[in-house]
Amino acid sequence: MDIVAHFQNARNLINLQSGLVLFSEGEPGQTMYVLMQGSAAICVGGEVIEVASPGALLGEMALVNSSLRSATVITRSDCRVISINRSQFDALVRESPAFARHVMTVMADRLRHMNEKLRNKVLGRPAARGAR
């Protein structure tokens, strides 16, 4: 799914300056974001685990299971994001199975990436073939 194209006509675009903390690990999350322009660092425990680029979903986990934020997101450049609250998220999932699958794919990819980091860092095992 081309998430940027899907949201290209959204009216709730927010401009953010470089170096801004969008949200912090451990905070309650009521909103997710779609990164439309720019880049942002996704950090866990102070370590950058991913650099998000346009089309990235940010903060989706907190909406999926009503949990605290599992990461901190800091803009690395001036960014434009779309804010999606819980009721908008629920409507998108109901109305667009492709969006729901995209969210699940993003979450699964991030989990696989973290598994690989754990394998490499803690267990000292080589990366699996075809891994990220």
C-alpha atoms as a PDB file:
ATOM      1  CA  MET A   1       0.000   0.000   0.000  1.00  0.00           C
ATOM      2  CA  ASP A   2       1.318   3.457  -0.896  1.00  0.00           C
ATOM      3  CA  ILE A   3       0.513   5.142   2.401  1.00  0.00           C
ATOM      4  CA  VAL A   4       1.678   8.594   1.244  1.00  0.00           C
ATOM      5  CA  ALA A   5      -0.649   8.443  -1.771  1.00  0.00           C
ATOM      6  CA  HIS A   6      -3.469   7.163   0.444  1.00  0.00           C
ATOM      7  CA  PHE A   7      -3.213  10.254   2.694  1.00  0.00           C
ATOM      8  CA  GLN A   8      -2.107  12.839   0.105  1.00  0.00           C
ATOM      9  CA  ASN A   9      -5.357  14.817   0.401  1.00  0.00           C
ATOM     10  CA  ALA A  10      -5.588  14.740   4.189  1.00  0.00           C
ATOM     11  CA  ARG A  11      -6.426  18.054   5.789  1.00  0.00           C
ATOM     12  CA  ASN A  12      -4.819  17.470   9.182  1.00  0.00           C
ATOM     13  CA  LEU A  13      -1.192  17.912   8.099  1.00  0.00           C
ATOM     14  CA  ILE A  14       1.150  19.110  10.867  1.00  0.00           C
ATOM     15  CA  ASN A  15       4.506  20.790  10.233  1.00  0.00           C
ATOM     16  CA  LEU A  16       7.276  19.863  12.698  1.00  0.00           C
ATOM     17  CA  GLN A  17      10.749  21.319  13.169  1.00  0.00           C
ATOM     18  CA  SER A  18      13.884  19.226  13.149  1.00  0.00           C
ATOM     19  CA  GLY A  19      14.905  17.954  16.600  1.00  0.00           C
ATOM     20  CA  LEU A  20      11.361  17.850  18.003  1.00  0.00           C
ATOM     21  CA  VAL A  21      10.309  14.950  20.239  1.00  0.00           C
ATOM     22  CA  LEU A  22       7.025  13.805  18.696  1.00  0.00           C
ATOM     23  CA  PHE A  23       6.351  11.447  21.614  1.00  0.00           C
ATOM     24  CA  SER A  24       8.330   9.658  24.306  1.00  0.00           C
ATOM     25  CA  GLU A  25       8.694   6.066  25.407  1.00  0.00           C
ATOM     26  CA  GLY A  26       6.405   5.304  28.370  1.00  0.00           C
ATOM     27  CA  GLU A  27       3.800   7.990  27.619  1.00  0.00           C
ATOM     28  CA  PRO A  28       0.179   7.079  26.997  1.00  0.00           C
ATOM     29  CA  GLY A  29      -0.626   7.145  23.306  1.00  0.00           C
ATOM     30  CA  GLN A  30      -3.870   8.454  21.894  1.00  0.00           C
ATOM     31  CA  THR A  31      -2.577   9.337  18.426  1.00  0.00           C
ATOM     32  CA  MET A  32      -0.501   7.785  15.676  1.00  0.00           C
ATOM     33  CA  TYR A  33       1.173   9.612  12.836  1.00  0.00           C
ATOM     34  CA  VAL A  34       1.893   9.074   9.164  1.00  0.00           C
ATOM     35  CA  LEU A  35       5.212  10.621   8.152  1.00  0.00           C
ATOM     36  CA  MET A  36       4.524  12.404   4.870  1.00  0.00           C
ATOM     37  CA  GLN A  37       7.814  14.330   4.498  1.00  0.00           C
ATOM     38  CA  GLY A  38      11.153  14.329   6.278  1.00  0.00           C
ATOM     39  CA  SER A  39      12.806  11.766   8.517  1.00  0.00           C
ATOM     40  CA  ALA A  40      12.553  10.795  12.167  1.00  0.00           C
ATOM     41  CA  ALA A  41      14.551   8.609  14.533  1.00  0.00           C
ATOM     42  CA  ILE A  42      12.688   5.853  16.370  1.00  0.00           C
ATOM     43  CA  CYS A  43      14.545   5.214  19.627  1.00  0.00           C
ATOM     44  CA  VAL A  44      14.173   2.531  22.297  1.00  0.00           C
ATOM     45  CA  GLY A  45      16.122   2.907  25.509  1.00  0.00           C
ATOM     46  CA  GLY A  46      18.017   5.820  23.984  1.00  0.00           C
ATOM     47  CA  GLU A  47      19.212   3.760  20.987  1.00  0.00           C
ATOM     48  CA  VAL A  48      18.115   4.574  17.436  1.00  0.00           C
ATOM     49  CA  ILE A  49      16.527   1.400  16.108  1.00  0.00           C
ATOM     50  CA  GLU A  50      15.099   2.797  12.892  1.00  0.00           C
ATOM     51  CA  VAL A  51      15.197   5.952  10.818  1.00  0.00           C
ATOM     52  CA  ALA A  52      11.702   6.561   9.502  1.00  0.00           C
ATOM     53  CA  SER A  53      11.165   8.061   6.058  1.00  0.00           C
ATOM     54  CA  PRO A  54       8.039   9.248   4.224  1.00  0.00           C
ATOM     55  CA  GLY A  55       5.270   6.668   4.446  1.00  0.00           C
ATOM     56  CA  ALA A  56       6.316   5.438   7.886  1.00  0.00           C
ATOM     57  CA  LEU A  57       3.734   4.867  10.585  1.00  0.00           C
ATOM     58  CA  LEU A  58       4.677   6.262  13.987  1.00  0.00           C
ATOM     59  CA  GLY A  59       2.931   5.387  17.240  1.00  0.00           C
ATOM     60  CA  GLU A  60       0.567   2.776  15.816  1.00  0.00           C
ATOM     61  CA  MET A  61       1.244   0.225  18.563  1.00  0.00           C
ATOM     62  CA  ALA A  62      -0.274   2.424  21.260  1.00  0.00           C
ATOM     63  CA  LEU A  63      -3.520   2.602  19.271  1.00  0.00           C
ATOM     64  CA  VAL A  64      -3.645  -1.095  18.460  1.00  0.00           C
ATOM     65  CA  ASN A  65      -3.484  -2.264  22.074  1.00  0.00           C
ATOM     66  CA  SER A  66      -4.063   0.911  24.152  1.00  0.00           C
ATOM     67  CA  SER A  67      -0.586   0.608  25.646  1.00  0.00           C
ATOM     68  CA  LEU A  68       2.078   3.080  26.640  1.00  0.00           C
ATOM     69  CA  ARG A  69       4.466   4.257  23.945  1.00  0.00           C
ATOM     70  CA  SER A  70       7.175   1.659  23.323  1.00  0.00           C
ATOM     71  CA  ALA A  71       9.572   4.117  21.673  1.00  0.00           C
ATOM     72  CA  THR A  72      10.556   7.763  21.431  1.00  0.00           C
ATOM     73  CA  VAL A  73      10.328   9.492  18.052  1.00  0.00           C
ATOM     74  CA  ILE A  74      12.501  12.523  17.307  1.00  0.00           C
ATOM     75  CA  THR A  75      12.392  14.415  14.015  1.00  0.00           C
ATOM     76  CA  ARG A  76      15.746  14.425  12.199  1.00  0.00           C
ATOM     77  CA  SER A  77      14.665  17.049   9.673  1.00  0.00           C
ATOM     78  CA  ASP A  78      11.704  19.335   9.207  1.00  0.00           C
ATOM     79  CA  CYS A  79       8.748  16.969   8.839  1.00  0.00           C
ATOM     80  CA  ARG A  80       5.126  16.915   7.825  1.00  0.00           C
ATOM     81  CA  VAL A  81       2.932  14.355   9.541  1.00  0.00           C
ATOM     82  CA  ILE A  82      -0.710  13.423   9.601  1.00  0.00           C
ATOM     83  CA  SER A  83      -2.212  12.875  13.016  1.00  0.00           C
ATOM     84  CA  ILE A  84      -4.675   9.986  13.396  1.00  0.00           C
ATOM     85  CA  ASN A  85      -6.617   9.615  16.649  1.00  0.00           C
ATOM     86  CA  ARG A  86      -8.202   6.416  17.943  1.00  0.00           C
ATOM     87  CA  SER A  87     -11.639   6.958  16.359  1.00  0.00           C
ATOM     88  CA  GLN A  88     -10.063   7.849  12.993  1.00  0.00           C
ATOM     89  CA  PHE A  89      -7.816   4.781  13.248  1.00  0.00           C
ATOM     90  CA  ASP A  90     -10.810   2.524  13.974  1.00  0.00           C
ATOM     91  CA  ALA A  91     -12.678   3.985  10.981  1.00  0.00           C
ATOM     92  CA  LEU A  92      -9.653   3.475   8.699  1.00  0.00           C
ATOM     93  CA  VAL A  93      -9.320  -0.160   9.804  1.00  0.00           C
ATOM     94  CA  ARG A  94     -13.047  -0.776   9.199  1.00  0.00           C
ATOM     95  CA  GLU A  95     -13.165   1.002   5.847  1.00  0.00           C
ATOM     96  CA  SER A  96      -9.828  -0.091   4.402  1.00  0.00           C
ATOM     97  CA  PRO A  97      -8.637  -3.667   4.859  1.00  0.00           C
ATOM     98  CA  ALA A  98      -5.483  -2.657   2.945  1.00  0.00           C
ATOM     99  CA  PHE A  99      -4.716  -0.061   5.641  1.00  0.00           C
ATOM    100  CA  ALA A 100      -5.288  -2.642   8.395  1.00  0.00           C
ATOM    101  CA  ARG A 101      -2.941  -5.100   6.638  1.00  0.00           C
ATOM    102  CA  HIS A 102      -0.368  -2.340   6.192  1.00  0.00           C
ATOM    103  CA  VAL A 103      -0.397  -1.568   9.921  1.00  0.00           C
ATOM    104  CA  MET A 104       0.045  -5.264  10.728  1.00  0.00           C
ATOM    105  CA  THR A 105       2.882  -5.547   8.194  1.00  0.00           C
ATOM    106  CA  VAL A 106       4.678  -2.545   9.696  1.00  0.00           C
ATOM    107  CA  MET A 107       4.362  -4.008  13.187  1.00  0.00           C
ATOM    108  CA  ALA A 108       5.532  -7.463  12.049  1.00  0.00           C
ATOM    109  CA  ASP A 109       8.525  -5.971  10.208  1.00  0.00           C
ATOM    110  CA  ARG A 110       9.532  -3.966  13.276  1.00  0.00           C
ATOM    111  CA  LEU A 111       9.238  -7.046  15.480  1.00  0.00           C
ATOM    112  CA  ARG A 112      11.411  -9.063  13.081  1.00  0.00           C
ATOM    113  CA  HIS A 113      13.956  -6.226  13.038  1.00  0.00           C
ATOM    114  CA  MET A 114      14.069  -6.143  16.848  1.00  0.00           C
ATOM    115  CA  ASN A 115      14.395  -9.935  16.970  1.00  0.00           C
ATOM    116  CA  GLU A 116      17.383  -9.697  14.646  1.00  0.00           C
ATOM    117  CA  LYS A 117      18.975  -6.960  16.765  1.00  0.00           C
ATOM    118  CA  LEU A 118      18.472  -9.096  19.866  1.00  0.00           C
ATOM    119  CA  ARG A 119      19.920 -12.149  18.137  1.00  0.00           C
ATOM    120  CA  ASN A 120      22.976 -10.213  16.972  1.00  0.00           C
ATOM    121  CA  LYS A 121      23.579  -8.150  20.086  1.00  0.00           C
ATOM    122  CA  VAL A 122      22.633 -10.363  23.003  1.00  0.00           C
ATOM    123  CA  LEU A 123      22.968 -13.888  21.695  1.00  0.00           C
ATOM    124  CA  GLY A 124      25.863 -13.281  19.316  1.00  0.00           C
ATOM    125  CA  ARG A 125      24.185 -15.214  16.528  1.00  0.00           C
ATOM    126  CA  PRO A 126      24.615 -14.303  12.869  1.00  0.00           C
ATOM    127  CA  ALA A 127      21.717 -12.720  11.026  1.00  0.00           C
ATOM    128  CA  ALA A 128      19.292 -15.068   9.310  1.00  0.00           C
ATOM    129  CA  ARG A 129      19.283 -15.134   5.511  1.00  0.00           C
ATOM    130  CA  GLY A 130      16.899 -12.661   3.973  1.00  0.00           C
ATOM    131  CA  ALA A 131      16.636 -10.724   7.231  1.00  0.00           C
ATOM    132  CA  ARG A 132      16.401  -6.991   7.265  1.00  0.00           C
END
